[in-house]
Amino acid sequence: MTAAPHPAPSLNLDSFPAGFRALVIGASGGIGQAFVQALQDHPRCGEVIALHRQSTPRLDLDDETSLADAAQALRGTGAFHLILHAAGVLHGAGFMPEKKLGDLNYAQLEATFRINTFGPALVLRHFCPLLDPGRSVLAVLSAKVGSIGDNRLGGWYSYRASKAALNMLLKTAAIEMQRSRAQAVLVSLHPGTMHTRLSEPFRGAQIGRSAADAAADLLGVLNRLTPGDSGGFFAYSGERLPW
């Protein structure tokens, strides 16, 4: 008996070339793993490389040398059509998002900015040169709470500020990249609330959706973006968000 063929995936990635190469940074987290799985399952993706603290090459956002070394190790393997930066921090050992000014402290501000802003800035530095000169996309996971124009509730000081700063870095890099890779698209993405470790203390399991659904939504958004969208800030629905 002949096995039934696998159904065609509902996720459309036809704006990327057949056999395109993808790279996921922060691939050990919930959304990072979901990106890797979605790309591995898609027939249009020829190869997906996953980087994290235990990968080979190793990449640790808290270790600048590891970012440079990982990029150098991949440089000779060929250009990438899709690079996704999926790492971030909202809470950690001994700290939660600040609710008021009285909660601010140097250690938490520094720890949050190192992972959410400084690390991704160095990702832009070292990995933008690995983008294919043709159709290519680099996306960083930001958050809607990083929108200054949309801030209505306050609180979450360091997280909001770190994502707002990330958005500025991405926008600035997009302007520079237009001069050398006119077809490249660099964007910030808001994934929404998901069932991941990051959202667990904030009722993520009750109000969020699966990381797999979020990854599919975000990949669908990226598939529709053009060079004219580079430097933008987009939600998983495709909505353009205010800075």
Protein backbone atom coordinates (compact mmCIF):
# COMPACT_ATOMS: atom_id res chain seq x y z
CA MET A 1 0.00 0.00 0.00
CA THR A 2 1.34 3.43 -0.94
CA ALA A 3 1.58 5.85 1.97
CA ALA A 4 -0.59 8.92 1.74
CA PRO A 5 1.38 12.08 0.95
CA HIS A 6 1.86 14.62 3.72
CA PRO A 7 -0.61 17.50 3.43
CA ALA A 8 0.84 20.77 2.19
CA PRO A 9 1.63 23.09 5.11
CA SER A 10 -0.78 25.98 5.64
CA LEU A 11 2.15 28.29 6.36
CA ASN A 12 3.03 30.18 3.20
CA LEU A 13 6.72 31.07 2.77
CA ASP A 14 6.69 31.54 -0.99
CA SER A 15 8.42 34.94 -0.89
CA PHE A 16 11.61 33.12 0.12
CA PRO A 17 13.56 31.16 -2.52
CA ALA A 18 13.15 27.40 -2.70
CA GLY A 19 15.68 25.74 -0.39
CA PHE A 20 16.23 28.93 1.61
CA ARG A 21 18.58 28.93 4.61
CA ALA A 22 17.38 30.06 8.03
CA LEU A 23 19.10 30.84 11.33
CA VAL A 24 17.36 30.98 14.71
CA ILE A 25 19.20 32.69 17.58
CA GLY A 26 17.91 31.88 21.05
CA ALA A 27 16.62 28.55 19.79
CA SER A 28 16.41 26.89 23.22
CA GLY A 29 13.46 29.00 24.40
CA GLY A 30 9.80 28.26 23.74
CA ILE A 31 9.31 30.52 20.72
CA GLY A 32 12.82 29.76 19.44
CA GLN A 33 12.11 26.02 19.45
CA ALA A 34 8.79 26.66 17.71
CA PHE A 35 10.51 28.66 14.96
CA VAL A 36 13.03 25.86 14.42
CA GLN A 37 10.31 23.20 14.26
CA ALA A 38 8.13 25.19 11.85
CA LEU A 39 11.06 25.80 9.52
CA GLN A 40 12.29 22.21 9.67
CA ASP A 41 8.81 21.01 8.77
CA HIS A 42 8.40 23.38 5.84
CA PRO A 43 9.40 21.97 2.43
CA ARG A 44 10.58 25.33 1.16
CA CYS A 45 13.26 25.65 3.86
CA GLY A 46 16.44 23.84 2.87
CA GLU A 47 18.32 24.28 6.14
CA VAL A 48 17.73 25.77 9.57
CA ILE A 49 20.57 26.33 12.04
CA ALA A 50 19.74 26.76 15.74
CA LEU A 51 22.03 28.73 18.05
CA HIS A 52 21.91 28.90 21.85
CA ARG A 53 24.20 28.52 24.86
CA GLN A 54 24.71 24.77 24.33
CA SER A 55 24.81 24.72 20.52
CA THR A 56 27.83 24.28 18.27
CA PRO A 57 28.85 26.96 17.63
CA ARG A 58 27.86 28.30 21.02
CA LEU A 59 26.08 31.65 21.35
CA ASP A 60 25.52 33.42 24.67
CA LEU A 61 24.06 36.95 24.59
CA ASP A 62 25.97 37.71 27.79
CA ASP A 63 29.29 36.85 26.12
CA GLU A 64 30.31 39.21 23.32
CA THR A 65 33.09 36.91 22.11
CA SER A 66 30.65 34.05 21.58
CA LEU A 67 28.54 36.17 19.20
CA ALA A 68 31.55 37.13 17.10
CA ASP A 69 32.87 33.56 17.09
CA ALA A 70 29.49 32.07 16.12
CA ALA A 71 29.07 34.50 13.23
CA GLN A 72 32.60 33.79 12.03
CA ALA A 73 31.99 30.03 12.20
CA LEU A 74 28.90 30.38 10.00
CA ARG A 75 30.37 32.86 7.56
CA GLY A 76 31.83 30.17 5.33
CA THR A 77 28.64 28.08 5.19
CA GLY A 78 26.75 30.45 2.91
CA ALA A 79 24.36 33.37 3.21
CA PHE A 80 21.07 33.26 5.11
CA HIS A 81 17.71 34.29 3.73
CA LEU A 82 16.05 34.42 7.16
CA ILE A 83 17.59 35.26 10.55
CA LEU A 84 15.37 35.25 13.65
CA HIS A 85 16.49 36.56 17.03
CA ALA A 86 14.14 34.95 19.56
CA ALA A 87 15.87 35.42 22.94
CA GLY A 88 14.79 37.78 25.71
CA VAL A 89 14.21 38.18 29.43
CA LEU A 90 11.27 39.55 31.43
CA HIS A 91 11.99 38.12 34.86
CA GLY A 92 14.79 36.14 36.41
CA ALA A 93 16.27 34.79 39.59
CA GLY A 94 15.46 37.34 42.24
CA PHE A 95 13.57 39.88 40.14
CA MET A 96 10.22 40.53 38.54
CA PRO A 97 9.07 43.46 36.35
CA GLU A 98 9.06 46.69 38.33
CA LYS A 99 5.60 48.06 39.15
CA LYS A 100 6.73 51.48 40.42
CA LEU A 101 9.72 53.83 40.47
CA GLY A 102 10.61 52.64 43.95
CA ASP A 103 11.36 49.19 42.53
CA LEU A 104 14.09 50.40 40.16
CA ASN A 105 17.60 49.17 40.82
CA TYR A 106 20.82 49.16 38.84
CA ALA A 107 21.34 45.39 38.84
CA GLN A 108 17.93 44.61 37.33
CA LEU A 109 18.17 47.39 34.76
CA GLU A 110 21.59 46.17 33.67
CA ALA A 111 20.59 42.50 33.53
CA THR A 112 17.49 43.28 31.45
CA PHE A 113 19.30 45.54 29.02
CA ARG A 114 22.17 43.10 28.56
CA ILE A 115 19.84 40.39 27.25
CA ASN A 116 17.08 42.44 25.60
CA THR A 117 19.13 45.27 24.09
CA PHE A 118 22.92 44.95 24.20
CA GLY A 119 23.00 41.30 23.10
CA PRO A 120 20.64 41.84 20.15
CA ALA A 121 22.62 44.95 19.15
CA LEU A 122 25.70 42.75 18.77
CA VAL A 123 23.62 40.18 16.90
CA LEU A 124 22.83 42.94 14.40
CA ARG A 125 26.51 43.84 14.18
CA HIS A 126 27.80 40.33 13.59
CA PHE A 127 24.93 38.66 11.71
CA CYS A 128 23.61 41.33 9.34
CA PRO A 129 26.63 40.71 7.09
CA LEU A 130 25.48 37.08 6.77
CA LEU A 131 22.21 38.06 5.07
CA ASP A 132 21.79 37.05 1.46
CA PRO A 133 22.19 40.06 -0.89
CA GLY A 134 18.87 39.16 -2.51
CA ARG A 135 15.57 38.59 -0.69
CA SER A 136 16.42 38.29 3.01
CA VAL A 137 14.80 39.04 6.36
CA LEU A 138 16.22 39.61 9.83
CA ALA A 139 13.68 39.89 12.64
CA VAL A 140 14.09 40.51 16.36
CA LEU A 141 11.43 39.72 18.94
CA SER A 142 10.41 42.92 20.66
CA ALA A 143 7.15 43.50 22.56
CA LYS A 144 4.16 45.80 22.28
CA VAL A 145 4.89 47.10 25.77
CA GLY A 146 8.08 48.54 24.26
CA SER A 147 5.95 50.97 22.25
CA ILE A 148 6.20 54.46 23.77
CA GLY A 149 3.11 55.59 21.89
CA ASP A 150 1.05 52.65 23.16
CA ASN A 151 2.12 52.89 26.82
CA ARG A 152 -1.11 53.46 28.75
CA LEU A 153 -0.58 51.48 31.96
CA GLY A 154 3.01 52.26 33.00
CA GLY A 155 5.07 49.84 35.07
CA TRP A 156 7.51 47.20 33.81
CA TYR A 157 10.16 49.91 33.56
CA SER A 158 13.30 48.06 32.52
CA TYR A 159 11.50 45.63 30.21
CA ARG A 160 9.61 48.41 28.41
CA ALA A 161 12.73 50.55 28.10
CA SER A 162 14.93 47.68 26.90
CA LYS A 163 12.49 46.82 24.12
CA ALA A 164 12.05 50.48 23.12
CA ALA A 165 15.85 50.76 22.86
CA LEU A 166 15.96 47.53 20.83
CA ASN A 167 13.44 49.01 18.41
CA MET A 168 15.65 52.07 17.90
CA LEU A 169 18.71 49.90 17.25
CA LEU A 170 16.78 47.83 14.72
CA LYS A 171 15.43 50.91 12.95
CA THR A 172 18.91 52.43 12.73
CA ALA A 173 20.43 49.19 11.43
CA ALA A 174 17.69 48.95 8.79
CA ILE A 175 18.63 52.38 7.45
CA GLU A 176 22.29 51.38 7.19
CA MET A 177 21.52 48.04 5.57
CA GLN A 178 19.50 49.71 2.81
CA ARG A 179 22.79 51.05 1.46
CA SER A 180 24.45 47.65 1.06
CA ARG A 181 21.51 45.20 0.84
CA ALA A 182 18.59 47.03 -0.70
CA GLN A 183 16.39 43.89 -0.72
CA ALA A 184 16.90 43.11 2.97
CA VAL A 185 14.05 43.55 5.46
CA LEU A 186 14.91 44.23 9.13
CA VAL A 187 11.95 44.37 11.52
CA SER A 188 10.90 44.19 15.15
CA LEU A 189 8.09 41.77 15.99
CA HIS A 190 5.49 41.56 18.77
CA PRO A 191 4.61 37.87 19.27
CA GLY A 192 1.75 38.37 21.73
CA THR A 193 1.28 36.41 24.95
CA MET A 194 2.35 32.76 24.70
CA HIS A 195 2.47 29.63 26.86
CA THR A 196 6.18 29.93 27.67
CA ARG A 197 8.39 30.29 30.74
CA LEU A 198 8.54 34.04 30.14
CA SER A 199 4.77 34.43 30.58
CA GLU A 200 4.16 31.82 33.30
CA PRO A 201 3.98 34.32 36.22
CA PHE A 202 1.50 36.47 34.26
CA ARG A 203 -1.24 33.92 33.51
CA GLY A 204 0.32 33.03 30.17
CA ALA A 205 -1.13 29.52 30.31
CA GLN A 206 -4.64 30.98 30.69
CA ILE A 207 -4.58 33.98 28.37
CA GLY A 208 -1.83 33.10 25.88
CA ARG A 209 -1.59 30.79 22.90
CA SER A 210 0.93 28.16 21.96
CA ALA A 211 4.43 29.09 20.82
CA ALA A 212 3.80 27.05 17.67
CA ASP A 213 0.82 29.23 16.75
CA ALA A 214 2.80 32.38 17.48
CA ALA A 215 5.73 31.20 15.36
CA ALA A 216 3.44 30.39 12.43
CA ASP A 217 1.75 33.79 12.68
CA LEU A 218 5.07 35.64 12.78
CA LEU A 219 6.56 33.69 9.88
CA GLY A 220 3.43 34.46 7.89
CA VAL A 221 3.89 38.18 8.60
CA LEU A 222 7.55 38.03 7.53
CA ASN A 223 6.59 36.29 4.30
CA ARG A 224 4.41 39.27 3.35
CA LEU A 225 6.89 42.05 4.15
CA THR A 226 8.82 43.89 1.45
CA PRO A 227 11.93 46.11 1.56
CA GLY A 228 9.60 49.08 1.97
CA ASP A 229 8.64 47.67 5.38
CA SER A 230 12.23 47.48 6.61
CA GLY A 231 12.76 49.25 9.92
CA GLY A 232 9.16 48.68 10.97
CA PHE A 233 7.51 47.27 14.12
CA PHE A 234 4.84 44.64 13.47
CA ALA A 235 2.46 42.55 15.56
CA TYR A 236 1.78 38.85 14.93
CA SER A 237 -1.46 39.94 13.23
CA GLY A 238 0.47 41.97 10.67
CA GLU A 239 -0.58 45.28 12.26
CA ARG A 240 2.09 47.99 12.16
CA LEU A 241 2.69 49.18 15.72
CA PRO A 242 3.52 52.73 16.86
CA TRP A 243 6.98 53.47 18.23
